[in-house]
PDB file of N, CA and C in Angstrom:
ATOM      1  N   UNK A   1      11.858   6.466 -19.965  1.00  0.00           N
ATOM      2  CA  UNK A   1      11.266   7.633 -20.555  1.00  0.00           C
ATOM      3  C   UNK A   1      10.508   8.428 -19.481  1.00  0.00           C
ATOM      4  N   UNK A   2      10.676   9.712 -19.448  1.00  0.00           N
ATOM      5  CA  UNK A   2      10.040  10.564 -18.442  1.00  0.00           C
ATOM      6  C   UNK A   2       8.603  10.898 -18.838  1.00  0.00           C
ATOM      7  N   UNK A   3       7.755  10.997 -17.823  1.00  0.00           N
ATOM      8  CA  UNK A   3       6.355  11.379 -18.013  1.00  0.00           C
ATOM      9  C   UNK A   3       6.102  12.649 -17.212  1.00  0.00           C
ATOM     10  N   UNK A   4       5.632  13.701 -17.883  1.00  0.00           N
ATOM     11  CA  UNK A   4       5.334  14.955 -17.194  1.00  0.00           C
ATOM     12  C   UNK A   4       4.053  14.841 -16.383  1.00  0.00           C
ATOM     13  N   UNK A   5       4.023  15.531 -15.246  1.00  0.00           N
ATOM     14  CA  UNK A   5       2.815  15.663 -14.442  1.00  0.00           C
ATOM     15  C   UNK A   5       2.250  17.033 -14.789  1.00  0.00           C
ATOM     16  N   UNK A   6       1.113  17.050 -15.452  1.00  0.00           N
ATOM     17  CA  UNK A   6       0.527  18.266 -16.009  1.00  0.00           C
ATOM     18  C   UNK A   6      -0.800  18.561 -15.315  1.00  0.00           C
ATOM     19  N   UNK A   7      -1.044  19.847 -15.020  1.00  0.00           N
ATOM     20  CA  UNK A   7      -2.348  20.239 -14.484  1.00  0.00           C
ATOM     21  C   UNK A   7      -3.377  20.029 -15.599  1.00  0.00           C
ATOM     22  N   UNK A   8      -4.348  19.128 -15.395  1.00  0.00           N
ATOM     23  CA  UNK A   8      -5.314  18.830 -16.458  1.00  0.00           C
ATOM     24  C   UNK A   8      -6.173  20.036 -16.841  1.00  0.00           C
ATOM     25  N   UNK A   9      -6.472  20.153 -18.113  1.00  0.00           N
ATOM     26  CA  UNK A   9      -7.284  21.263 -18.622  1.00  0.00           C
ATOM     27  C   UNK A   9      -8.727  21.171 -18.162  1.00  0.00           C
ATOM     28  N   UNK A  10      -9.181  19.970 -17.782  1.00  0.00           N
ATOM     29  CA  UNK A  10     -10.584  19.788 -17.392  1.00  0.00           C
ATOM     30  C   UNK A  10     -10.768  19.617 -15.879  1.00  0.00           C
ATOM     31  N   UNK A  11      -9.771  19.984 -15.091  1.00  0.00           N
ATOM     32  CA  UNK A  11      -9.851  19.787 -13.644  1.00  0.00           C
ATOM     33  C   UNK A  11     -10.838  20.733 -12.983  1.00  0.00           C
ATOM     34  N   UNK A  12     -10.998  21.940 -13.518  1.00  0.00           N
ATOM     35  CA  UNK A  12     -11.993  22.895 -13.035  1.00  0.00           C
ATOM     36  C   UNK A  12     -12.435  23.754 -14.204  1.00  0.00           C
ATOM     37  N   UNK A  13     -13.581  24.418 -14.029  1.00  0.00           N
ATOM     38  CA  UNK A  13     -14.096  25.287 -15.085  1.00  0.00           C
ATOM     39  C   UNK A  13     -13.445  26.655 -14.982  1.00  0.00           C
ATOM     40  N   UNK A  14     -13.356  27.351 -16.093  1.00  0.00           N
ATOM     41  CA  UNK A  14     -12.769  28.688 -16.107  1.00  0.00           C
ATOM     42  C   UNK A  14     -11.259  28.651 -16.221  1.00  0.00           C
ATOM     43  N   UNK A  15     -10.667  29.853 -16.171  1.00  0.00           N
ATOM     44  CA  UNK A  15      -9.223  29.985 -16.349  1.00  0.00           C
ATOM     45  C   UNK A  15      -8.518  30.499 -15.103  1.00  0.00           C
ATOM     46  N   UNK A  16      -9.107  30.253 -13.923  1.00  0.00           N
ATOM     47  CA  UNK A  16      -8.501  30.733 -12.690  1.00  0.00           C
ATOM     48  C   UNK A  16      -7.143  30.090 -12.450  1.00  0.00           C
ATOM     49  N   UNK A  17      -6.301  30.814 -11.715  1.00  0.00           N
ATOM     50  CA  UNK A  17      -5.031  30.242 -11.274  1.00  0.00           C
ATOM     51  C   UNK A  17      -5.311  29.320 -10.099  1.00  0.00           C
ATOM     52  N   UNK A  18      -4.388  28.459  -9.835  1.00  0.00           N
ATOM     53  CA  UNK A  18      -4.480  27.521  -8.730  1.00  0.00           C
ATOM     54  C   UNK A  18      -3.174  27.569  -7.947  1.00  0.00           C
ATOM     55  N   UNK A  19      -3.190  27.020  -6.742  1.00  0.00           N
ATOM     56  CA  UNK A  19      -1.998  26.983  -5.894  1.00  0.00           C
ATOM     57  C   UNK A  19      -1.757  25.546  -5.464  1.00  0.00           C
ATOM     58  N   UNK A  20      -0.510  25.108  -5.541  1.00  0.00           N
ATOM     59  CA  UNK A  20      -0.159  23.776  -5.031  1.00  0.00           C
ATOM     60  C   UNK A  20      -0.177  23.880  -3.509  1.00  0.00           C
ATOM     61  N   UNK A  21      -1.129  23.194  -2.877  1.00  0.00           N
ATOM     62  CA  UNK A  21      -1.250  23.283  -1.426  1.00  0.00           C
ATOM     63  C   UNK A  21      -0.427  22.214  -0.709  1.00  0.00           C
ATOM     64  N   UNK A  22      -0.180  21.096  -1.381  1.00  0.00           N
ATOM     65  CA  UNK A  22       0.618  20.038  -0.744  1.00  0.00           C
ATOM     66  C   UNK A  22       1.140  19.053  -1.769  1.00  0.00           C
ATOM     67  N   UNK A  23       2.365  18.639  -1.557  1.00  0.00           N
ATOM     68  CA  UNK A  23       2.916  17.481  -2.251  1.00  0.00           C
ATOM     69  C   UNK A  23       2.792  16.329  -1.262  1.00  0.00           C
ATOM     70  N   UNK A  24       2.159  15.241  -1.656  1.00  0.00           N
ATOM     71  CA  UNK A  24       1.933  14.101  -0.774  1.00  0.00           C
ATOM     72  C   UNK A  24       2.998  13.028  -0.952  1.00  0.00           C
ATOM     73  N   UNK A  25       3.936  13.284  -1.837  1.00  0.00           N
ATOM     74  CA  UNK A  25       5.106  12.422  -2.040  1.00  0.00           C
ATOM     75  C   UNK A  25       6.322  13.344  -2.116  1.00  0.00           C
ATOM     76  N   UNK A  26       7.436  12.865  -1.644  1.00  0.00           N
ATOM     77  CA  UNK A  26       8.657  13.670  -1.613  1.00  0.00           C
ATOM     78  C   UNK A  26       9.397  13.615  -2.939  1.00  0.00           C
ATOM     79  N   UNK A  27      10.177  14.661  -3.198  1.00  0.00           N
ATOM     80  CA  UNK A  27      11.040  14.684  -4.368  1.00  0.00           C
ATOM     81  C   UNK A  27      11.972  13.481  -4.292  1.00  0.00           C
ATOM     82  N   UNK A  28      12.031  12.701  -5.352  1.00  0.00           N
ATOM     83  CA  UNK A  28      12.886  11.522  -5.391  1.00  0.00           C
ATOM     84  C   UNK A  28      12.197  10.239  -4.942  1.00  0.00           C
ATOM     85  N   UNK A  29      10.951  10.359  -4.466  1.00  0.00           N
ATOM     86  CA  UNK A  29      10.213   9.181  -4.000  1.00  0.00           C
ATOM     87  C   UNK A  29       9.762   8.322  -5.175  1.00  0.00           C
ATOM     88  N   UNK A  30       9.644   7.036  -4.927  1.00  0.00           N
ATOM     89  CA  UNK A  30       9.081   6.119  -5.913  1.00  0.00           C
ATOM     90  C   UNK A  30       7.565   6.167  -5.759  1.00  0.00           C
ATOM     91  N   UNK A  31       6.859   6.412  -6.859  1.00  0.00           N
ATOM     92  CA  UNK A  31       5.398   6.480  -6.826  1.00  0.00           C
ATOM     93  C   UNK A  31       4.818   5.481  -7.812  1.00  0.00           C
ATOM     94  N   UNK A  32       3.577   5.086  -7.558  1.00  0.00           N
ATOM     95  CA  UNK A  32       2.883   4.159  -8.441  1.00  0.00           C
ATOM     96  C   UNK A  32       1.827   4.906  -9.240  1.00  0.00           C
ATOM     97  N   UNK A  33       1.634   4.497 -10.475  1.00  0.00           N
ATOM     98  CA  UNK A  33       0.619   5.109 -11.329  1.00  0.00           C
ATOM     99  C   UNK A  33      -0.725   5.118 -10.626  1.00  0.00           C
ATOM    100  N   UNK A  34      -1.407   6.260 -10.641  1.00  0.00           N
ATOM    101  CA  UNK A  34      -2.718   6.399 -10.021  1.00  0.00           C
ATOM    102  C   UNK A  34      -2.682   6.835  -8.568  1.00  0.00           C
ATOM    103  N   UNK A  35      -1.491   6.839  -7.959  1.00  0.00           N
ATOM    104  CA  UNK A  35      -1.372   7.248  -6.558  1.00  0.00           C
ATOM    105  C   UNK A  35      -1.580   8.756  -6.427  1.00  0.00           C
ATOM    106  N   UNK A  36      -2.216   9.172  -5.351  1.00  0.00           N
ATOM    107  CA  UNK A  36      -2.411  10.589  -5.065  1.00  0.00           C
ATOM    108  C   UNK A  36      -1.060  11.186  -4.681  1.00  0.00           C
ATOM    109  N   UNK A  37      -0.610  12.205  -5.433  1.00  0.00           N
ATOM    110  CA  UNK A  37       0.720  12.762  -5.167  1.00  0.00           C
ATOM    111  C   UNK A  37       0.715  14.241  -4.813  1.00  0.00           C
ATOM    112  N   UNK A  38      -0.363  14.969  -5.168  1.00  0.00           N
ATOM    113  CA  UNK A  38      -0.394  16.406  -4.880  1.00  0.00           C
ATOM    114  C   UNK A  38      -1.834  16.886  -4.760  1.00  0.00           C
ATOM    115  N   UNK A  39      -1.981  18.015  -4.062  1.00  0.00           N
ATOM    116  CA  UNK A  39      -3.278  18.675  -3.960  1.00  0.00           C
ATOM    117  C   UNK A  39      -3.106  20.120  -4.383  1.00  0.00           C
ATOM    118  N   UNK A  40      -4.088  20.624  -5.130  1.00  0.00           N
ATOM    119  CA  UNK A  40      -4.058  22.028  -5.530  1.00  0.00           C
ATOM    120  C   UNK A  40      -5.395  22.670  -5.163  1.00  0.00           C
ATOM    121  N   UNK A  41      -5.371  23.958  -4.897  1.00  0.00           N
ATOM    122  CA  UNK A  41      -6.572  24.701  -4.503  1.00  0.00           C
ATOM    123  C   UNK A  41      -6.915  25.702  -5.600  1.00  0.00           C
ATOM    124  N   UNK A  42      -8.171  25.641  -6.036  1.00  0.00           N
ATOM    125  CA  UNK A  42      -8.670  26.573  -7.046  1.00  0.00           C
ATOM    126  C   UNK A  42      -9.996  27.132  -6.545  1.00  0.00           C
ATOM    127  N   UNK A  43     -10.064  28.433  -6.376  1.00  0.00           N
ATOM    128  CA  UNK A  43     -11.306  29.083  -5.946  1.00  0.00           C
ATOM    129  C   UNK A  43     -11.925  28.363  -4.745  1.00  0.00           C
ATOM    130  N   UNK A  44     -11.104  28.092  -3.748  1.00  0.00           N
ATOM    131  CA  UNK A  44     -11.513  27.438  -2.491  1.00  0.00           C
ATOM    132  C   UNK A  44     -12.003  26.005  -2.663  1.00  0.00           C
ATOM    133  N   UNK A  45     -11.621  25.369  -3.780  1.00  0.00           N
ATOM    134  CA  UNK A  45     -11.949  23.971  -4.020  1.00  0.00           C
ATOM    135  C   UNK A  45     -10.644  23.189  -4.127  1.00  0.00           C
ATOM    136  N   UNK A  46     -10.522  22.137  -3.322  1.00  0.00           N
ATOM    137  CA  UNK A  46      -9.322  21.306  -3.325  1.00  0.00           C
ATOM    138  C   UNK A  46      -9.431  20.274  -4.446  1.00  0.00           C
ATOM    139  N   UNK A  47      -8.420  20.168  -5.290  1.00  0.00           N
ATOM    140  CA  UNK A  47      -8.359  19.175  -6.358  1.00  0.00           C
ATOM    141  C   UNK A  47      -7.171  18.269  -6.121  1.00  0.00           C
ATOM    142  N   UNK A  48      -7.281  17.029  -6.579  1.00  0.00           N
ATOM    143  CA  UNK A  48      -6.217  16.048  -6.393  1.00  0.00           C
ATOM    144  C   UNK A  48      -5.503  15.770  -7.710  1.00  0.00           C
ATOM    145  N   UNK A  49      -4.189  15.595  -7.595  1.00  0.00           N
ATOM    146  CA  UNK A  49      -3.362  15.225  -8.754  1.00  0.00           C
ATOM    147  C   UNK A  49      -2.814  13.827  -8.494  1.00  0.00           C
ATOM    148  N   UNK A  50      -3.004  12.937  -9.459  1.00  0.00           N
ATOM    149  CA  UNK A  50      -2.505  11.573  -9.318  1.00  0.00           C
ATOM    150  C   UNK A  50      -1.325  11.341 -10.261  1.00  0.00           C
ATOM    151  N   UNK A  51      -0.534  10.367  -9.938  1.00  0.00           N
ATOM    152  CA  UNK A  51       0.642  10.031 -10.748  1.00  0.00           C
ATOM    153  C   UNK A  51       0.193   9.433 -12.082  1.00  0.00           C
ATOM    154  N   UNK A  52       0.669   9.991 -13.205  1.00  0.00           N
ATOM    155  CA  UNK A  52       0.294   9.460 -14.514  1.00  0.00           C
ATOM    156  C   UNK A  52       1.083   8.204 -14.907  1.00  0.00           C
ATOM    157  N   UNK A  53       2.104   7.867 -14.107  1.00  0.00           N
ATOM    158  CA  UNK A  53       2.941   6.703 -14.396  1.00  0.00           C
ATOM    159  C   UNK A  53       3.632   6.286 -13.095  1.00  0.00           C
ATOM    160  N   UNK A  54       4.273   5.146 -13.108  1.00  0.00           N
ATOM    161  CA  UNK A  54       5.061   4.689 -11.967  1.00  0.00           C
ATOM    162  C   UNK A  54       6.511   5.056 -12.184  1.00  0.00           C
ATOM    163  N   UNK A  55       7.218   5.379 -11.094  1.00  0.00           N
ATOM    164  CA  UNK A  55       8.640   5.688 -11.194  1.00  0.00           C
ATOM    165  C   UNK A  55       9.072   6.676 -10.131  1.00  0.00           C
ATOM    166  N   UNK A  56      10.208   7.326 -10.369  1.00  0.00           N
ATOM    167  CA  UNK A  56      10.798   8.277  -9.423  1.00  0.00           C
ATOM    168  C   UNK A  56      10.264   9.679  -9.687  1.00  0.00           C
ATOM    169  N   UNK A  57       9.728  10.317  -8.644  1.00  0.00           N
ATOM    170  CA  UNK A  57       9.121  11.645  -8.748  1.00  0.00           C
ATOM    171  C   UNK A  57      10.174  12.748  -8.666  1.00  0.00           C
ATOM    172  N   UNK A  58      10.105  13.678  -9.604  1.00  0.00           N
ATOM    173  CA  UNK A  58      10.910  14.907  -9.566  1.00  0.00           C
ATOM    174  C   UNK A  58       9.932  16.076  -9.504  1.00  0.00           C
ATOM    175  N   UNK A  59       9.975  16.841  -8.406  1.00  0.00           N
ATOM    176  CA  UNK A  59       9.084  17.986  -8.235  1.00  0.00           C
ATOM    177  C   UNK A  59       9.695  19.193  -8.939  1.00  0.00           C
ATOM    178  N   UNK A  60       8.932  19.808  -9.848  1.00  0.00           N
ATOM    179  CA  UNK A  60       9.407  20.968 -10.598  1.00  0.00           C
ATOM    180  C   UNK A  60       8.825  22.276 -10.079  1.00  0.00           C
ATOM    181  N   UNK A  61       7.638  22.231  -9.466  1.00  0.00           N
ATOM    182  CA  UNK A  61       7.014  23.425  -8.882  1.00  0.00           C
ATOM    183  C   UNK A  61       6.738  23.114  -7.409  1.00  0.00           C
ATOM    184  N   UNK A  62       7.286  23.931  -6.535  1.00  0.00           N
ATOM    185  CA  UNK A  62       7.187  23.693  -5.097  1.00  0.00           C
ATOM    186  C   UNK A  62       5.803  24.023  -4.543  1.00  0.00           C
ATOM    187  N   UNK A  63       5.553  23.551  -3.334  1.00  0.00           N
ATOM    188  CA  UNK A  63       4.321  23.879  -2.621  1.00  0.00           C
ATOM    189  C   UNK A  63       4.172  25.396  -2.543  1.00  0.00           C
ATOM    190  N   UNK A  64       2.959  25.887  -2.648  1.00  0.00           N
ATOM    191  CA  UNK A  64       2.592  27.310  -2.652  1.00  0.00           C
ATOM    192  C   UNK A  64       2.836  27.986  -4.006  1.00  0.00           C
ATOM    193  N   UNK A  65       3.334  27.254  -4.997  1.00  0.00           N
ATOM    194  CA  UNK A  65       3.525  27.831  -6.333  1.00  0.00           C
ATOM    195  C   UNK A  65       2.165  28.036  -6.999  1.00  0.00           C
ATOM    196  N   UNK A  66       2.032  29.129  -7.726  1.00  0.00           N
ATOM    197  CA  UNK A  66       0.818  29.415  -8.487  1.00  0.00           C
ATOM    198  C   UNK A  66       0.943  28.730  -9.845  1.00  0.00           C
ATOM    199  N   UNK A  67      -0.104  27.992 -10.217  1.00  0.00           N
ATOM    200  CA  UNK A  67      -0.093  27.240 -11.473  1.00  0.00           C
ATOM    201  C   UNK A  67      -1.399  27.473 -12.228  1.00  0.00           C
ATOM    202  N   UNK A  68      -1.368  27.163 -13.515  1.00  0.00           N
ATOM    203  CA  UNK A  68      -2.559  27.233 -14.366  1.00  0.00           C
ATOM    204  C   UNK A  68      -2.683  25.911 -15.123  1.00  0.00           C
ATOM    205  N   UNK A  69      -3.836  25.724 -15.729  1.00  0.00           N
ATOM    206  CA  UNK A  69      -4.050  24.512 -16.524  1.00  0.00           C
ATOM    207  C   UNK A  69      -2.937  24.360 -17.553  1.00  0.00           C
ATOM    208  N   UNK A  70      -2.441  23.146 -17.702  1.00  0.00           N
ATOM    209  CA  UNK A  70      -1.405  22.868 -18.683  1.00  0.00           C
ATOM    210  C   UNK A  70       0.011  22.987 -18.139  1.00  0.00           C
ATOM    211  N   UNK A  71       0.181  23.561 -16.932  1.00  0.00           N
ATOM    212  CA  UNK A  71       1.527  23.678 -16.353  1.00  0.00           C
ATOM    213  C   UNK A  71       2.087  22.305 -16.004  1.00  0.00           C
ATOM    214  N   UNK A  72       3.377  22.122 -16.224  1.00  0.00           N
ATOM    215  CA  UNK A  72       4.087  20.913 -15.811  1.00  0.00           C
ATOM    216  C   UNK A  72       4.591  21.186 -14.389  1.00  0.00           C
ATOM    217  N   UNK A  73       4.111  20.390 -13.427  1.00  0.00           N
ATOM    218  CA  UNK A  73       4.500  20.611 -12.031  1.00  0.00           C
ATOM    219  C   UNK A  73       5.510  19.587 -11.532  1.00  0.00           C
ATOM    220  N   UNK A  74       5.691  18.528 -12.279  1.00  0.00           N
ATOM    221  CA  UNK A  74       6.645  17.497 -11.890  1.00  0.00           C
ATOM    222  C   UNK A  74       6.878  16.534 -13.036  1.00  0.00           C
ATOM    223  N   UNK A  75       7.717  15.560 -12.756  1.00  0.00           N
ATOM    224  CA  UNK A  75       8.063  14.578 -13.788  1.00  0.00           C
ATOM    225  C   UNK A  75       8.309  13.244 -13.089  1.00  0.00           C
ATOM    226  N   UNK A  76       7.942  12.177 -13.767  1.00  0.00           N
ATOM    227  CA  UNK A  76       8.207  10.832 -13.255  1.00  0.00           C
ATOM    228  C   UNK A  76       9.117  10.129 -14.243  1.00  0.00           C
ATOM    229  N   UNK A  77      10.220   9.605 -13.716  1.00  0.00           N
ATOM    230  CA  UNK A  77      11.209   8.923 -14.573  1.00  0.00           C
ATOM    231  C   UNK A  77      11.310   7.469 -14.178  1.00  0.00           C
TER     232      UNK A  77
END
Protein backbone atom coordinates (compact mmCIF):
# COMPACT_ATOMS: atom_id res chain seq x y z
CA UNK A 1 0.00 0.00 0.00
CA UNK A 2 1.37 3.44 -0.93
CA UNK A 3 1.83 6.22 1.61
CA UNK A 4 1.77 9.84 0.43
CA UNK A 5 4.42 12.29 1.60
CA UNK A 6 2.40 15.40 2.46
CA UNK A 7 3.57 18.87 3.51
CA UNK A 8 2.24 19.02 7.10
CA UNK A 9 -0.33 21.70 7.90
CA UNK A 10 1.47 22.55 11.16
CA UNK A 11 5.03 22.80 9.80
CA UNK A 12 4.96 26.63 9.84
CA UNK A 13 2.52 29.38 10.75
CA UNK A 14 0.57 31.23 8.08
CA UNK A 15 -0.25 30.28 4.51
CA UNK A 16 3.03 31.13 2.79
CA UNK A 17 4.28 29.06 -0.12
CA UNK A 18 7.39 26.99 0.33
CA UNK A 19 10.09 25.68 -2.01
CA UNK A 20 11.61 22.20 -2.04
CA UNK A 21 15.29 23.04 -1.60
CA UNK A 22 16.65 19.49 -1.59
CA UNK A 23 15.70 15.87 -1.87
CA UNK A 24 18.06 13.92 0.42
CA UNK A 25 17.05 10.58 -1.09
CA UNK A 26 16.89 9.70 -4.77
CA UNK A 27 13.80 8.72 -6.73
CA UNK A 28 13.50 4.95 -6.40
CA UNK A 29 15.63 4.77 -3.24
CA UNK A 30 14.65 2.56 -0.33
CA UNK A 31 13.94 4.74 2.72
CA UNK A 32 13.16 3.95 6.34
CA UNK A 33 10.29 5.47 8.30
CA UNK A 34 11.46 8.60 10.14
CA UNK A 35 14.48 9.16 7.89
CA UNK A 36 15.13 12.71 6.71
CA UNK A 37 14.26 12.73 3.00
CA UNK A 38 13.67 16.36 1.97
CA UNK A 39 14.18 19.97 2.99
CA UNK A 40 11.86 22.85 2.21
CA UNK A 41 12.34 26.60 2.69
CA UNK A 42 9.56 28.84 3.97
CA UNK A 43 10.16 32.53 4.63
CA UNK A 44 13.92 31.92 4.96
CA UNK A 45 13.37 29.07 7.44
CA UNK A 46 14.54 25.57 6.51
CA UNK A 47 12.10 22.77 7.43
CA UNK A 48 12.72 19.03 7.29
CA UNK A 49 10.45 16.36 5.82
CA UNK A 50 10.79 12.82 7.12
CA UNK A 51 9.59 9.57 5.60
CA UNK A 52 6.13 8.63 6.94
CA UNK A 53 6.76 4.94 6.16
CA UNK A 54 9.47 2.56 4.97
CA UNK A 55 9.71 1.52 1.32
CA UNK A 56 10.60 2.75 -2.17
CA UNK A 57 10.50 6.54 -2.67
CA UNK A 58 8.74 8.06 -5.69
CA UNK A 59 9.36 11.81 -6.05
CA UNK A 60 6.30 13.64 -7.40
CA UNK A 61 7.49 17.27 -7.04
CA UNK A 62 11.05 18.06 -8.08
CA UNK A 63 13.59 20.23 -6.29
CA UNK A 64 12.80 23.98 -6.64
CA UNK A 65 9.06 23.23 -6.95
CA UNK A 66 6.76 25.64 -5.10
CA UNK A 67 4.51 23.85 -2.61
CA UNK A 68 1.90 24.70 0.02
CA UNK A 69 0.62 22.93 3.10
CA UNK A 70 -1.22 19.74 2.20
CA UNK A 71 0.61 19.19 -1.12
CA UNK A 72 1.66 15.62 -1.91
CA UNK A 73 5.35 15.81 -2.86
CA UNK A 74 6.14 12.12 -3.04
CA UNK A 75 4.96 8.62 -2.32
CA UNK A 76 6.43 5.59 -0.59
CA UNK A 77 5.44 2.14 -1.82
